[in-house]
Amino acid sequence: MADKQTYRGQCHCGAVRYTATTDMSTLGDCNCSRCRRLGWVMQSLPAADFTLESGEDNLSVYHFSTETIDHLFCKTCGIESFSRGSDGKGNEMVMINVNCLEPPMQVDRNAIKHWDGANW
């Protein structure tokens, strides 16, 4: 297993900024109607390993489907750099959009786990 590192992420305009500590071992993408359009590369982590540094008051929430995930996007630029929810056991989780990390991270698209959200 890879070592955990702390990464910095943000929306496009920089109003929403966060740090996330993770090992980047479970990168994924999803083919649901929303993720497919956004082109997310996802990494989940426990909420305790995520710190919203700035922009809480600049976040707007969007729910769809089961309405259990808080899809949070910047009110200024519209970018969803992370979302909040819980896993199947009730543990609070955060899903970061790896494409929103600064500096940008090189992603091996062949190593990504594909989630069939369209048929979930």
C-alpha atoms as a PDB file:
ATOM      1  CA  MET A   1       0.000   0.000   0.000  1.00  0.00           C
ATOM      2  CA  ALA A   2       1.231   3.481  -0.829  1.00  0.00           C
ATOM      3  CA  ASP A   3       2.072   5.925   1.941  1.00  0.00           C
ATOM      4  CA  LYS A   4      -0.401   8.616   2.883  1.00  0.00           C
ATOM      5  CA  GLN A   5       0.443  12.139   1.811  1.00  0.00           C
ATOM      6  CA  THR A   6      -1.291  15.455   2.282  1.00  0.00           C
ATOM      7  CA  TYR A   7      -2.594  17.072  -0.885  1.00  0.00           C
ATOM      8  CA  ARG A   8      -4.025  20.528  -1.511  1.00  0.00           C
ATOM      9  CA  GLY A   9      -7.118  21.009  -3.617  1.00  0.00           C
ATOM     10  CA  GLN A  10      -9.316  23.863  -4.711  1.00  0.00           C
ATOM     11  CA  CYS A  11     -12.070  24.963  -7.015  1.00  0.00           C
ATOM     12  CA  HIS A  12     -11.170  26.859 -10.204  1.00  0.00           C
ATOM     13  CA  CYS A  13     -11.326  30.360  -8.721  1.00  0.00           C
ATOM     14  CA  GLY A  14      -9.631  29.366  -5.429  1.00  0.00           C
ATOM     15  CA  ALA A  15     -12.479  30.445  -3.145  1.00  0.00           C
ATOM     16  CA  VAL A  16     -12.859  26.831  -1.906  1.00  0.00           C
ATOM     17  CA  ARG A  17      -9.606  25.273  -0.661  1.00  0.00           C
ATOM     18  CA  TYR A  18      -8.907  22.081   1.247  1.00  0.00           C
ATOM     19  CA  THR A  19      -6.268  19.603   2.335  1.00  0.00           C
ATOM     20  CA  ALA A  20      -6.739  15.858   2.130  1.00  0.00           C
ATOM     21  CA  THR A  21      -4.507  13.132   3.527  1.00  0.00           C
ATOM     22  CA  THR A  22      -4.733   9.886   1.590  1.00  0.00           C
ATOM     23  CA  ASP A  23      -2.647   7.214  -0.117  1.00  0.00           C
ATOM     24  CA  MET A  24      -4.329   7.638  -3.555  1.00  0.00           C
ATOM     25  CA  SER A  25      -4.675   3.852  -3.777  1.00  0.00           C
ATOM     26  CA  THR A  26      -8.346   3.710  -4.751  1.00  0.00           C
ATOM     27  CA  LEU A  27      -8.760   6.153  -7.625  1.00  0.00           C
ATOM     28  CA  GLY A  28     -12.029   5.692  -9.415  1.00  0.00           C
ATOM     29  CA  ASP A  29     -14.420   7.075 -11.928  1.00  0.00           C
ATOM     30  CA  CYS A  30     -18.132   6.617 -12.427  1.00  0.00           C
ATOM     31  CA  ASN A  31     -20.427   6.499 -15.423  1.00  0.00           C
ATOM     32  CA  CYS A  32     -23.541   7.892 -13.728  1.00  0.00           C
ATOM     33  CA  SER A  33     -25.217  10.779 -15.529  1.00  0.00           C
ATOM     34  CA  ARG A  34     -23.505  13.389 -13.349  1.00  0.00           C
ATOM     35  CA  CYS A  35     -19.962  12.013 -12.988  1.00  0.00           C
ATOM     36  CA  ARG A  36     -19.797  11.159 -16.693  1.00  0.00           C
ATOM     37  CA  ARG A  37     -20.484  14.789 -17.553  1.00  0.00           C
ATOM     38  CA  LEU A  38     -18.035  16.143 -14.970  1.00  0.00           C
ATOM     39  CA  GLY A  39     -15.112  13.839 -15.790  1.00  0.00           C
ATOM     40  CA  TRP A  40     -14.297  13.243 -12.136  1.00  0.00           C
ATOM     41  CA  VAL A  41     -11.361  11.146 -10.985  1.00  0.00           C
ATOM     42  CA  MET A  42     -12.362  10.269  -7.434  1.00  0.00           C
ATOM     43  CA  GLN A  43     -10.490   9.354  -4.278  1.00  0.00           C
ATOM     44  CA  SER A  44     -12.450   8.622  -1.105  1.00  0.00           C
ATOM     45  CA  LEU A  45     -11.104   9.213   2.374  1.00  0.00           C
ATOM     46  CA  PRO A  46     -12.409   9.370   5.935  1.00  0.00           C
ATOM     47  CA  ALA A  47     -13.848  12.784   6.795  1.00  0.00           C
ATOM     48  CA  ALA A  48     -11.257  13.051   9.582  1.00  0.00           C
ATOM     49  CA  ASP A  49      -8.519  13.157   6.902  1.00  0.00           C
ATOM     50  CA  PHE A  50     -10.085  16.153   5.144  1.00  0.00           C
ATOM     51  CA  THR A  51      -9.867  19.805   6.186  1.00  0.00           C
ATOM     52  CA  LEU A  52     -11.806  22.544   4.450  1.00  0.00           C
ATOM     53  CA  GLU A  53      -9.364  25.448   4.652  1.00  0.00           C
ATOM     54  CA  SER A  54     -11.622  28.131   3.162  1.00  0.00           C
ATOM     55  CA  GLY A  55     -14.860  28.649   1.317  1.00  0.00           C
ATOM     56  CA  GLU A  56     -17.511  26.934   3.457  1.00  0.00           C
ATOM     57  CA  ASP A  57     -19.786  29.956   2.960  1.00  0.00           C
ATOM     58  CA  ASN A  58     -19.175  29.792  -0.808  1.00  0.00           C
ATOM     59  CA  LEU A  59     -20.444  26.217  -1.186  1.00  0.00           C
ATOM     60  CA  SER A  60     -23.806  25.266  -2.591  1.00  0.00           C
ATOM     61  CA  VAL A  61     -25.212  21.734  -2.282  1.00  0.00           C
ATOM     62  CA  TYR A  62     -26.808  19.597  -4.968  1.00  0.00           C
ATOM     63  CA  HIS A  63     -28.584  16.280  -4.314  1.00  0.00           C
ATOM     64  CA  PHE A  64     -29.809  13.729  -6.844  1.00  0.00           C
ATOM     65  CA  SER A  65     -30.722  10.047  -7.062  1.00  0.00           C
ATOM     66  CA  THR A  66     -30.669   8.749  -3.455  1.00  0.00           C
ATOM     67  CA  GLU A  67     -30.006  12.279  -2.109  1.00  0.00           C
ATOM     68  CA  THR A  68     -27.461  10.896   0.362  1.00  0.00           C
ATOM     69  CA  ILE A  69     -24.353  12.593  -1.029  1.00  0.00           C
ATOM     70  CA  ASP A  70     -23.739  16.320  -0.610  1.00  0.00           C
ATOM     71  CA  HIS A  71     -22.377  17.365  -3.994  1.00  0.00           C
ATOM     72  CA  LEU A  72     -20.785  20.696  -3.070  1.00  0.00           C
ATOM     73  CA  PHE A  73     -19.839  23.250  -5.668  1.00  0.00           C
ATOM     74  CA  CYS A  74     -18.383  26.734  -5.561  1.00  0.00           C
ATOM     75  CA  LYS A  75     -21.001  29.446  -5.996  1.00  0.00           C
ATOM     76  CA  THR A  76     -18.478  31.582  -7.887  1.00  0.00           C
ATOM     77  CA  CYS A  77     -16.916  29.236 -10.470  1.00  0.00           C
ATOM     78  CA  GLY A  78     -19.267  26.232 -10.291  1.00  0.00           C
ATOM     79  CA  ILE A  79     -16.568  23.596  -9.748  1.00  0.00           C
ATOM     80  CA  GLU A  80     -17.294  20.597  -7.513  1.00  0.00           C
ATOM     81  CA  SER A  81     -13.886  19.842  -6.017  1.00  0.00           C
ATOM     82  CA  PHE A  82     -15.209  17.457  -3.344  1.00  0.00           C
ATOM     83  CA  SER A  83     -18.376  15.878  -1.982  1.00  0.00           C
ATOM     84  CA  ARG A  84     -19.456  14.543   1.418  1.00  0.00           C
ATOM     85  CA  GLY A  85     -21.408  11.470   2.399  1.00  0.00           C
ATOM     86  CA  SER A  86     -21.051   8.181   4.254  1.00  0.00           C
ATOM     87  CA  ASP A  87     -20.014   4.689   3.309  1.00  0.00           C
ATOM     88  CA  GLY A  88     -22.254   1.637   3.616  1.00  0.00           C
ATOM     89  CA  LYS A  89     -21.337   1.307   7.308  1.00  0.00           C
ATOM     90  CA  GLY A  90     -22.296   4.886   8.222  1.00  0.00           C
ATOM     91  CA  ASN A  91     -18.726   6.225   8.386  1.00  0.00           C
ATOM     92  CA  GLU A  92     -18.475   9.871   7.310  1.00  0.00           C
ATOM     93  CA  MET A  93     -16.485  10.100   4.098  1.00  0.00           C
ATOM     94  CA  VAL A  94     -15.275  12.735   1.660  1.00  0.00           C
ATOM     95  CA  MET A  95     -14.731  12.168  -2.045  1.00  0.00           C
ATOM     96  CA  ILE A  96     -12.171  14.489  -3.591  1.00  0.00           C
ATOM     97  CA  ASN A  97     -11.915  15.271  -7.283  1.00  0.00           C
ATOM     98  CA  VAL A  98      -8.261  14.488  -8.023  1.00  0.00           C
ATOM     99  CA  ASN A  99      -8.468  16.786 -11.049  1.00  0.00           C
ATOM    100  CA  CYS A 100      -8.768  19.705  -8.575  1.00  0.00           C
ATOM    101  CA  LEU A 101      -5.435  19.107  -6.806  1.00  0.00           C
ATOM    102  CA  GLU A 102      -2.695  21.735  -6.969  1.00  0.00           C
ATOM    103  CA  PRO A 103      -0.199  21.104  -8.327  1.00  0.00           C
ATOM    104  CA  PRO A 104      -1.960  18.780 -10.803  1.00  0.00           C
ATOM    105  CA  MET A 105      -1.417  15.077 -10.219  1.00  0.00           C
ATOM    106  CA  GLN A 106      -0.481  12.698 -13.031  1.00  0.00           C
ATOM    107  CA  VAL A 107      -3.189  10.022 -13.239  1.00  0.00           C
ATOM    108  CA  ASP A 108      -2.716   6.641 -14.902  1.00  0.00           C
ATOM    109  CA  ARG A 109      -6.192   6.220 -16.434  1.00  0.00           C
ATOM    110  CA  ASN A 110      -5.592   2.453 -16.740  1.00  0.00           C
ATOM    111  CA  ALA A 111      -5.197   2.130 -12.945  1.00  0.00           C
ATOM    112  CA  ILE A 112      -8.585   3.684 -12.155  1.00  0.00           C
ATOM    113  CA  LYS A 113     -11.351   1.475 -10.774  1.00  0.00           C
ATOM    114  CA  HIS A 114     -14.507   1.976 -12.837  1.00  0.00           C
ATOM    115  CA  TRP A 115     -17.812   2.225 -10.936  1.00  0.00           C
ATOM    116  CA  ASP A 116     -20.988   1.413 -12.869  1.00  0.00           C
ATOM    117  CA  GLY A 117     -23.114   4.143 -11.301  1.00  0.00           C
ATOM    118  CA  ALA A 118     -25.388   4.259 -14.346  1.00  0.00           C
ATOM    119  CA  ASN A 119     -26.790   0.830 -13.433  1.00  0.00           C
ATOM    120  CA  TRP A 120     -26.599   1.077  -9.653  1.00  0.00           C
END
